[in-house]
Amino acid sequence: MRRDHERRRDARHRGRQDHRPDTRRRRQPGHPHPARRQRGTGRADPHRRADGHQRRRARADDRACVHVQPRPARFPRPRRTRTPALARRGRITGRRRSELTAVRVAIVGAGLAGLVAGRALQAAGATVQLFDKGRSPGGRLATRRIGGATVDHGAQFFTARTPAFARQVAEWQSRGLVRVWSRGFGDNDGHDRYVGTDGMNSLAKDLARGQSVSCSTMAFAVRPTGDGGWKVVLDDGAEHAADAVIVTCPLPQAFALLIDSGVDLDESVFRVDYDRTIGFLARLDGPAALPPTGGVQNGDEVFSFIGDNAHKGISTEPAVTFHASPAWSEANWHEDHDTLARLLTTAARPWLGASTIVEHQLKKWRLATPRTIWPDPCWTTAGGRIVVAGDAFAGPRVEGAHNSGLAAAHALLG
């Protein structure tokens, strides 16, 4: 009887062991510590995080553990109590995301990617300071006046093909900041082409509102402080201390900026060639002779895009933006101003109809479009304290810059 009792007790004990989930974390071969969760597009890419997309991870007991990713634009994320990655790695540990007011983030570049990252981090409670060498924020979201005309001389339009950016565009539309220009320049591909109601730079100004942005300020280097932090050294010798740094300028400039940082720089990421673009901005005495869509893509061997700013609705006077193709821009980059103006005026004449150019300006974009796109939405150092973002990561478009900036903020928030 005693032996039967012991057998039944042992069977019950084995049953409990068999149904107990194995909570041990998998370890890397030959490594004494559990493997850390890997950074990557699954947790930083705003496309895959949008609309509750799920990712599954196998568990040791053959069951599935489902992680539901929240919408990327919601800060802080609901029902999350884990200490943010930035606070875990910084001087102030044990703080929650709503208590990030002491965490300082410096962002070099106040283009779209930098402004989006700054707004997301500031909404999460971080103290953010942006630096930009331009006279106003926006980067290639650029608009200027020529006489009584208003012209976009950088990005001409944008589309919204991902959920993360579509939500931002819908919010802008609800406030009347953007409008649909057309659905293509030639064939209708089903995607709306949006423009800023008051010019593309008006969107950058909207994102910059409420943020601390230092314009006409060039960052010279990012260096460690020796106590776990960083300092952004400006060209006038001033230094700005930070717990983390986001760099959103073009990759060759980012590489030069980080060369003294002491971090491992992957040259395959930073050694990227860029196409150049020469912009020719013309104010006319009458309407241009462009198609009804108001824009032409790859219209001839000189121009890659021609946009009618009056047709867009941003200019009360006839004005056209001509963007020379990368090949033409590269071949004529070193010509003097007068020679370029003469060549581009001749090339533009077939698109003017009976109108003539009253006034013109030139704009050179030396690092206009990256020739190689990195597959991840941003790049981070091993310690996660420095993040590089921009349109070279998520695509050379307005949408790509927005999503890369959002991913950079997620990389710091954890």
Protein backbone atom coordinates (compact mmCIF):
# COMPACT_ATOMS: atom_id res chain seq x y z
CA MET A 1 0.00 0.00 0.00
CA ARG A 2 2.82 2.39 0.90
CA ARG A 3 4.53 1.71 -2.45
CA ASP A 4 1.26 2.46 -4.36
CA HIS A 5 0.87 5.72 -2.43
CA GLU A 6 4.41 6.78 -3.33
CA ARG A 7 3.82 5.95 -7.01
CA ARG A 8 0.65 8.09 -7.08
CA ARG A 9 2.45 10.97 -5.34
CA ASP A 10 5.34 10.80 -7.81
CA ALA A 11 2.91 10.77 -10.76
CA ARG A 12 1.13 13.86 -9.46
CA HIS A 13 4.47 15.60 -8.97
CA ARG A 14 5.58 14.74 -12.51
CA GLY A 15 2.27 16.07 -13.88
CA ARG A 16 2.79 19.39 -12.22
CA GLN A 17 6.34 19.57 -13.62
CA ASP A 18 5.16 18.70 -17.13
CA HIS A 19 2.58 21.49 -17.17
CA ARG A 20 4.79 24.11 -15.59
CA PRO A 21 5.88 26.61 -18.25
CA ASP A 22 9.60 26.81 -18.81
CA THR A 23 10.41 30.43 -18.08
CA ARG A 24 14.14 30.15 -18.68
CA ARG A 25 15.42 32.55 -21.34
CA ARG A 26 17.44 31.18 -24.17
CA ARG A 27 21.15 31.86 -23.96
CA GLN A 28 23.65 32.50 -26.65
CA PRO A 29 25.98 29.50 -27.16
CA GLY A 30 29.03 29.86 -24.93
CA HIS A 31 27.69 33.02 -23.30
CA PRO A 32 26.82 33.09 -19.57
CA HIS A 33 24.09 35.75 -19.83
CA PRO A 34 20.63 35.61 -21.42
CA ALA A 35 20.43 36.97 -24.95
CA ARG A 36 19.12 40.51 -25.07
CA ARG A 37 16.23 41.39 -27.28
CA GLN A 38 17.65 42.50 -30.59
CA ARG A 39 17.02 45.96 -31.95
CA GLY A 40 15.58 46.05 -35.41
CA THR A 41 12.73 47.02 -37.66
CA GLY A 42 10.25 44.83 -35.77
CA ARG A 43 10.22 47.19 -32.82
CA ALA A 44 11.34 50.47 -34.34
CA ASP A 45 9.76 50.53 -37.79
CA PRO A 46 6.52 52.57 -37.51
CA HIS A 47 5.01 50.67 -40.48
CA ARG A 48 5.08 47.30 -38.71
CA ARG A 49 4.02 48.75 -35.38
CA ALA A 50 0.97 50.46 -36.78
CA ASP A 51 -2.62 49.28 -36.33
CA GLY A 52 -1.82 46.60 -33.77
CA HIS A 53 0.37 44.42 -35.93
CA GLN A 54 1.56 41.36 -34.05
CA ARG A 55 4.78 39.43 -33.91
CA ARG A 56 5.10 35.96 -32.41
CA ARG A 57 8.00 34.50 -30.47
CA ALA A 58 8.25 30.78 -29.77
CA ARG A 59 8.43 29.71 -26.16
CA ALA A 60 10.22 26.75 -24.66
CA ASP A 61 6.97 24.90 -23.92
CA ASP A 62 5.93 25.09 -27.63
CA ARG A 63 3.26 27.67 -26.96
CA ALA A 64 3.22 31.09 -28.62
CA CYS A 65 3.70 34.37 -26.84
CA VAL A 66 1.94 37.19 -28.73
CA HIS A 67 3.20 40.77 -28.43
CA VAL A 68 0.79 43.40 -29.74
CA GLN A 69 2.63 46.51 -30.89
CA PRO A 70 0.76 49.76 -30.15
CA ARG A 71 0.22 52.58 -32.58
CA PRO A 72 3.52 54.44 -32.97
CA ALA A 73 2.22 57.96 -32.45
CA ARG A 74 0.78 57.29 -28.99
CA PHE A 75 3.10 58.47 -26.20
CA PRO A 76 3.23 57.18 -23.60
CA ARG A 77 2.07 53.72 -24.65
CA PRO A 78 -0.92 52.53 -22.65
CA ARG A 79 -0.54 50.11 -19.73
CA ARG A 80 3.25 49.97 -20.02
CA THR A 81 5.12 50.23 -16.73
CA ARG A 82 8.57 49.06 -17.78
CA THR A 83 11.36 51.59 -17.29
CA PRO A 84 12.20 53.28 -20.62
CA ALA A 85 15.43 52.22 -22.29
CA LEU A 86 16.78 55.76 -22.23
CA ALA A 87 16.26 56.08 -18.49
CA ARG A 88 17.72 52.60 -17.85
CA ARG A 89 20.92 53.51 -19.71
CA GLY A 90 21.22 57.10 -18.48
CA ARG A 91 22.14 58.63 -15.16
CA ILE A 92 18.57 58.58 -13.88
CA THR A 93 17.39 55.03 -13.47
CA GLY A 94 14.10 53.71 -12.21
CA ARG A 95 12.00 56.44 -13.80
CA ARG A 96 8.93 55.86 -15.88
CA ARG A 97 8.28 57.50 -19.22
CA SER A 98 6.08 60.17 -17.65
CA GLU A 99 9.08 61.10 -15.47
CA LEU A 100 11.59 61.73 -18.28
CA THR A 101 11.78 65.46 -17.68
CA ALA A 102 15.41 65.13 -16.52
CA VAL A 103 16.50 63.22 -19.64
CA ARG A 104 18.17 65.54 -22.15
CA VAL A 105 18.15 64.72 -25.86
CA ALA A 106 20.05 66.76 -28.45
CA ILE A 107 18.95 66.50 -32.08
CA VAL A 108 21.26 67.67 -34.84
CA GLY A 109 19.18 68.63 -37.86
CA ALA A 110 15.75 70.27 -37.70
CA GLY A 111 14.44 68.81 -40.94
CA LEU A 112 11.35 66.64 -40.96
CA ALA A 113 13.02 63.62 -39.31
CA GLY A 114 14.49 65.70 -36.50
CA LEU A 115 11.27 67.63 -35.87
CA VAL A 116 9.17 64.45 -35.74
CA ALA A 117 11.62 62.76 -33.35
CA GLY A 118 11.77 65.85 -31.16
CA ARG A 119 8.02 66.19 -30.91
CA ALA A 120 7.57 62.51 -30.00
CA LEU A 121 10.30 62.64 -27.32
CA GLN A 122 9.02 65.91 -25.90
CA ALA A 123 5.50 64.46 -25.69
CA ALA A 124 7.01 61.56 -23.72
CA GLY A 125 8.53 63.98 -21.20
CA ALA A 126 12.13 64.36 -22.38
CA THR A 127 13.90 67.71 -22.59
CA VAL A 128 14.79 68.19 -26.27
CA GLN A 129 17.06 70.71 -27.99
CA LEU A 130 17.35 70.84 -31.80
CA PHE A 131 20.18 72.44 -33.78
CA ASP A 132 20.09 73.37 -37.46
CA LYS A 133 22.49 75.30 -39.64
CA GLY A 134 19.67 76.74 -41.75
CA ARG A 135 17.92 80.03 -41.12
CA SER A 136 14.64 78.24 -40.39
CA PRO A 137 13.63 74.66 -39.59
CA GLY A 138 12.43 72.28 -42.28
CA GLY A 139 15.42 71.21 -44.34
CA ARG A 140 14.10 70.31 -47.77
CA LEU A 141 10.60 71.32 -46.70
CA ALA A 142 11.58 74.70 -48.10
CA THR A 143 9.50 77.66 -49.30
CA ARG A 144 10.59 81.17 -50.25
CA ARG A 145 9.27 84.41 -51.73
CA ILE A 146 10.30 85.85 -55.10
CA GLY A 147 8.73 89.27 -55.40
CA GLY A 148 5.02 88.69 -54.86
CA ALA A 149 5.25 84.97 -55.68
CA THR A 150 5.64 82.02 -53.30
CA VAL A 151 7.58 78.95 -54.44
CA ASP A 152 8.46 75.57 -52.98
CA HIS A 153 12.09 75.04 -53.90
CA GLY A 154 12.74 71.76 -52.07
CA ALA A 155 10.24 68.90 -51.81
CA GLN A 156 7.36 69.56 -54.21
CA PHE A 157 4.72 67.17 -52.87
CA PHE A 158 4.34 63.97 -50.86
CA THR A 159 2.26 60.81 -50.72
CA ALA A 160 1.02 58.83 -47.71
CA ARG A 161 1.39 55.08 -48.26
CA THR A 162 2.05 53.88 -44.71
CA PRO A 163 -0.33 53.96 -41.72
CA ALA A 164 2.07 55.97 -39.54
CA PHE A 165 2.37 58.84 -41.99
CA ALA A 166 -1.25 58.60 -43.14
CA ARG A 167 -2.36 59.45 -39.59
CA GLN A 168 -0.12 62.50 -39.56
CA VAL A 169 -1.45 63.66 -42.93
CA ALA A 170 -5.05 63.14 -41.78
CA GLU A 171 -4.33 65.29 -38.72
CA TRP A 172 -2.86 68.02 -40.93
CA GLN A 173 -5.88 67.80 -43.23
CA SER A 174 -8.27 68.16 -40.33
CA ARG A 175 -6.63 71.52 -39.53
CA GLY A 176 -6.48 72.66 -43.14
CA LEU A 177 -2.68 72.55 -43.36
CA VAL A 178 -2.47 70.25 -46.39
CA ARG A 179 -4.52 69.68 -49.52
CA VAL A 180 -4.51 67.26 -52.43
CA TRP A 181 -2.73 68.67 -55.47
CA SER A 182 -3.26 65.79 -57.91
CA ARG A 183 -3.32 61.99 -58.20
CA GLY A 184 -0.30 61.74 -60.44
CA PHE A 185 1.44 63.59 -63.23
CA GLY A 186 0.43 61.56 -66.25
CA ASP A 187 -1.10 58.25 -65.23
CA ASN A 188 -3.35 58.12 -62.15
CA ASP A 189 -1.69 55.61 -59.82
CA GLY A 190 -4.32 55.99 -57.09
CA HIS A 191 -2.12 57.93 -54.67
CA ASP A 192 -2.94 61.49 -53.73
CA ARG A 193 -0.14 64.04 -54.07
CA TYR A 194 -0.36 66.35 -51.05
CA VAL A 195 1.08 69.84 -50.66
CA GLY A 196 1.20 72.30 -47.79
CA THR A 197 -1.65 74.78 -48.08
CA ASP A 198 0.76 77.66 -47.40
CA GLY A 199 3.83 75.96 -48.83
CA MET A 200 5.81 72.93 -47.72
CA ASN A 201 7.75 74.86 -45.07
CA SER A 202 4.50 75.62 -43.24
CA LEU A 203 4.39 71.95 -42.19
CA ALA A 204 7.86 72.18 -40.69
CA LYS A 205 6.83 75.31 -38.78
CA ASP A 206 3.81 73.46 -37.45
CA LEU A 207 5.98 70.60 -36.15
CA ALA A 208 8.52 73.03 -34.69
CA ARG A 209 5.89 74.93 -32.70
CA GLY A 210 6.54 74.43 -28.99
CA GLN A 211 9.99 72.91 -29.53
CA SER A 212 13.35 74.50 -28.74
CA VAL A 213 15.10 74.92 -32.11
CA SER A 214 18.40 76.79 -32.54
CA CYS A 215 18.71 77.85 -36.18
CA SER A 216 21.79 79.27 -37.90
CA THR A 217 23.74 77.00 -35.54
CA MET A 218 26.18 74.45 -36.94
CA ALA A 219 27.10 71.40 -34.89
CA PHE A 220 30.82 70.64 -35.19
CA ALA A 221 31.21 67.36 -33.27
CA VAL A 222 29.55 64.92 -30.86
CA ARG A 223 31.89 63.80 -28.09
CA PRO A 224 31.56 61.76 -24.88
CA THR A 225 31.68 63.63 -21.58
CA GLY A 226 33.36 60.85 -19.62
CA ASP A 227 30.47 60.33 -17.21
CA GLY A 228 28.18 58.42 -19.56
CA GLY A 229 26.76 61.46 -21.31
CA TRP A 230 27.45 63.37 -24.51
CA LYS A 231 28.17 66.91 -25.58
CA VAL A 232 27.36 68.55 -28.89
CA VAL A 233 30.16 70.95 -29.78
CA LEU A 234 29.03 73.93 -31.87
CA ASP A 235 31.11 75.81 -34.39
CA ASP A 236 31.49 78.78 -32.04
CA GLY A 237 33.00 76.55 -29.36
CA ALA A 238 29.89 76.33 -27.21
CA GLU A 239 28.95 72.91 -25.83
CA HIS A 240 25.53 71.41 -25.17
CA ALA A 241 25.29 68.47 -22.74
CA ALA A 242 22.87 65.61 -23.40
CA ASP A 243 22.09 62.07 -22.28
CA ALA A 244 21.36 60.95 -25.87
CA VAL A 245 21.87 62.37 -29.35
CA ILE A 246 19.88 61.95 -32.58
CA VAL A 247 21.61 62.93 -35.83
CA THR A 248 19.35 63.51 -38.85
CA CYS A 249 21.61 65.38 -41.28
CA PRO A 250 22.77 63.64 -44.52
CA LEU A 251 24.99 60.64 -43.82
CA PRO A 252 28.35 62.09 -44.94
CA GLN A 253 27.78 65.01 -42.57
CA ALA A 254 26.66 62.61 -39.81
CA PHE A 255 29.86 60.59 -40.24
CA ALA A 256 32.03 63.71 -39.87
CA LEU A 257 29.99 64.79 -36.85
CA LEU A 258 30.45 61.44 -35.05
CA ILE A 259 34.09 60.80 -35.94
CA ASP A 260 35.23 61.98 -32.46
CA SER A 261 32.43 60.22 -30.60
CA GLY A 262 34.39 57.03 -29.97
CA VAL A 263 31.55 54.81 -31.18
CA ASP A 264 31.92 52.10 -33.80
CA LEU A 265 30.80 53.62 -37.09
CA ASP A 266 29.72 51.22 -39.81
CA GLU A 267 31.21 52.79 -42.92
CA SER A 268 28.88 50.77 -45.14
CA VAL A 269 26.07 52.87 -43.67
CA PHE A 270 27.71 56.26 -43.78
CA ARG A 271 29.63 56.11 -47.06
CA VAL A 272 26.57 56.83 -49.19
CA ASP A 273 26.65 58.91 -52.37
CA TYR A 274 24.00 61.55 -52.95
CA ASP A 275 22.57 62.99 -56.15
CA ARG A 276 22.77 66.74 -56.61
CA THR A 277 19.91 68.96 -57.73
CA ILE A 278 19.97 72.49 -59.10
CA GLY A 279 16.70 74.35 -58.66
CA PHE A 280 15.63 77.17 -61.00
CA LEU A 281 12.85 79.33 -59.54
CA ALA A 282 11.07 81.60 -62.00
CA ARG A 283 8.41 84.28 -61.46
CA LEU A 284 6.43 84.85 -64.68
CA ASP A 285 4.30 87.60 -66.16
CA GLY A 286 1.61 85.09 -67.12
CA PRO A 287 0.55 81.45 -66.66
CA ALA A 288 2.96 78.64 -67.54
CA ALA A 289 2.22 76.16 -70.34
CA LEU A 290 2.10 73.05 -68.16
CA PRO A 291 -0.40 70.14 -68.32
CA PRO A 292 -3.67 70.38 -66.34
CA THR A 293 -2.12 68.51 -63.41
CA GLY A 294 0.23 71.44 -62.85
CA GLY A 295 3.34 69.27 -62.72
CA VAL A 296 5.63 67.34 -65.05
CA GLN A 297 7.97 64.53 -64.06
CA ASN A 298 10.99 63.83 -66.28
CA GLY A 299 9.61 66.13 -68.95
CA ASP A 300 12.87 66.40 -70.92
CA GLU A 301 16.59 65.69 -70.70
CA VAL A 302 17.24 68.70 -68.45
CA PHE A 303 14.43 68.73 -65.87
CA SER A 304 13.40 65.91 -63.56
CA PHE A 305 10.41 67.86 -62.21
CA ILE A 306 8.54 71.05 -63.07
CA GLY A 307 5.91 72.40 -60.67
CA ASP A 308 3.44 75.25 -61.07
CA ASN A 309 3.20 76.97 -57.68
CA ALA A 310 0.10 78.92 -58.68
CA HIS A 311 -1.64 75.68 -59.68
CA LYS A 312 -0.67 74.24 -56.29
CA GLY A 313 -2.49 77.13 -54.66
CA ILE A 314 0.45 78.49 -52.68
CA SER A 315 1.27 81.48 -54.93
CA THR A 316 -0.97 84.37 -55.95
CA GLU A 317 1.38 85.16 -58.87
CA PRO A 318 2.54 82.81 -61.67
CA ALA A 319 5.71 81.06 -60.55
CA VAL A 320 7.33 77.77 -61.58
CA THR A 321 9.91 75.58 -59.86
CA PHE A 322 12.28 73.70 -62.19
CA HIS A 323 14.43 70.92 -60.76
CA ALA A 324 17.33 69.90 -63.00
CA SER A 325 17.95 66.15 -63.25
CA PRO A 326 20.78 64.58 -61.21
CA ALA A 327 22.84 63.96 -64.35
CA TRP A 328 22.47 67.54 -65.62
CA SER A 329 23.09 68.96 -62.14
CA GLU A 330 26.25 66.91 -61.72
CA ALA A 331 27.59 67.89 -65.15
CA ASN A 332 26.97 71.62 -64.60
CA TRP A 333 27.46 71.92 -60.85
CA HIS A 334 30.61 74.04 -61.02
CA GLU A 335 29.33 76.52 -63.61
CA ASP A 336 29.07 80.09 -62.37
CA HIS A 337 25.72 81.65 -61.49
CA ASP A 338 25.27 83.59 -64.73
CA THR A 339 26.06 80.59 -66.92
CA LEU A 340 23.63 78.38 -65.01
CA ALA A 341 20.90 81.03 -65.23
CA ARG A 342 21.38 81.36 -68.98
CA LEU A 343 21.36 77.58 -69.60
CA LEU A 344 18.29 76.97 -67.43
CA THR A 345 16.38 79.92 -68.87
CA THR A 346 16.88 78.47 -72.35
CA ALA A 347 15.82 74.99 -71.18
CA ALA A 348 12.71 76.36 -69.46
CA ARG A 349 11.42 78.35 -72.43
CA PRO A 350 9.33 75.51 -74.01
CA TRP A 351 7.36 75.21 -70.73
CA LEU A 352 6.45 78.90 -70.47
CA GLY A 353 4.15 79.34 -73.46
CA ALA A 354 3.65 83.04 -74.21
CA SER A 355 4.87 84.09 -70.75
CA THR A 356 8.31 85.40 -69.93
CA ILE A 357 10.48 85.25 -66.83
CA VAL A 358 10.29 88.41 -64.76
CA GLU A 359 12.59 87.32 -61.96
CA HIS A 360 14.54 84.17 -61.16
CA GLN A 361 16.67 82.58 -58.43
CA LEU A 362 18.92 79.54 -58.23
CA LYS A 363 19.04 76.99 -55.42
CA LYS A 364 21.66 74.22 -55.20
CA TRP A 365 20.97 71.04 -53.20
CA ARG A 366 24.38 69.36 -52.87
CA LEU A 367 23.04 66.36 -50.91
CA ALA A 368 19.57 66.11 -52.42
CA THR A 369 18.79 62.41 -52.76
CA PRO A 370 20.65 59.36 -51.36
CA ARG A 371 21.54 56.81 -54.03
CA THR A 372 21.47 53.91 -51.57
CA ILE A 373 18.71 53.35 -49.02
CA TRP A 374 19.50 51.56 -45.76
CA PRO A 375 16.87 48.84 -45.07
CA ASP A 376 16.33 49.76 -41.40
CA PRO A 377 14.41 52.90 -40.41
CA CYS A 378 17.31 54.20 -38.28
CA TRP A 379 20.76 53.26 -37.00
CA THR A 380 21.73 53.05 -33.33
CA THR A 381 24.97 52.52 -31.47
CA ALA A 382 25.46 49.42 -29.33
CA GLY A 383 24.66 51.41 -26.21
CA GLY A 384 21.56 52.92 -27.78
CA ARG A 385 22.54 56.48 -26.81
CA ILE A 386 23.23 57.76 -30.35
CA VAL A 387 20.68 57.33 -33.15
CA VAL A 388 21.11 58.30 -36.80
CA ALA A 389 17.95 58.86 -38.86
CA GLY A 390 16.76 60.58 -42.04
CA ASP A 391 15.52 59.89 -45.54
CA ALA A 392 18.52 57.64 -46.30
CA PHE A 393 16.92 55.01 -44.04
CA ALA A 394 13.19 54.87 -44.69
CA GLY A 395 13.19 56.19 -48.26
CA PRO A 396 14.18 59.40 -50.05
CA ARG A 397 10.77 61.00 -49.66
CA VAL A 398 8.92 63.20 -47.20
CA GLU A 399 7.18 60.10 -45.88
CA GLY A 400 10.47 58.27 -45.36
CA ALA A 401 11.96 61.13 -43.35
CA HIS A 402 8.85 61.28 -41.15
CA ASN A 403 8.87 57.56 -40.43
CA SER A 404 12.61 57.48 -39.78
CA GLY A 405 12.29 60.28 -37.24
CA LEU A 406 9.47 58.44 -35.52
CA ALA A 407 11.58 55.26 -35.41
CA ALA A 408 14.47 57.20 -33.87
CA ALA A 409 12.22 58.38 -31.05
CA HIS A 410 11.01 54.79 -30.50
CA ALA A 411 14.63 53.58 -30.38
CA LEU A 412 15.31 55.87 -27.41
CA LEU A 413 12.00 55.32 -25.66
CA GLY A 414 12.46 51.55 -25.75
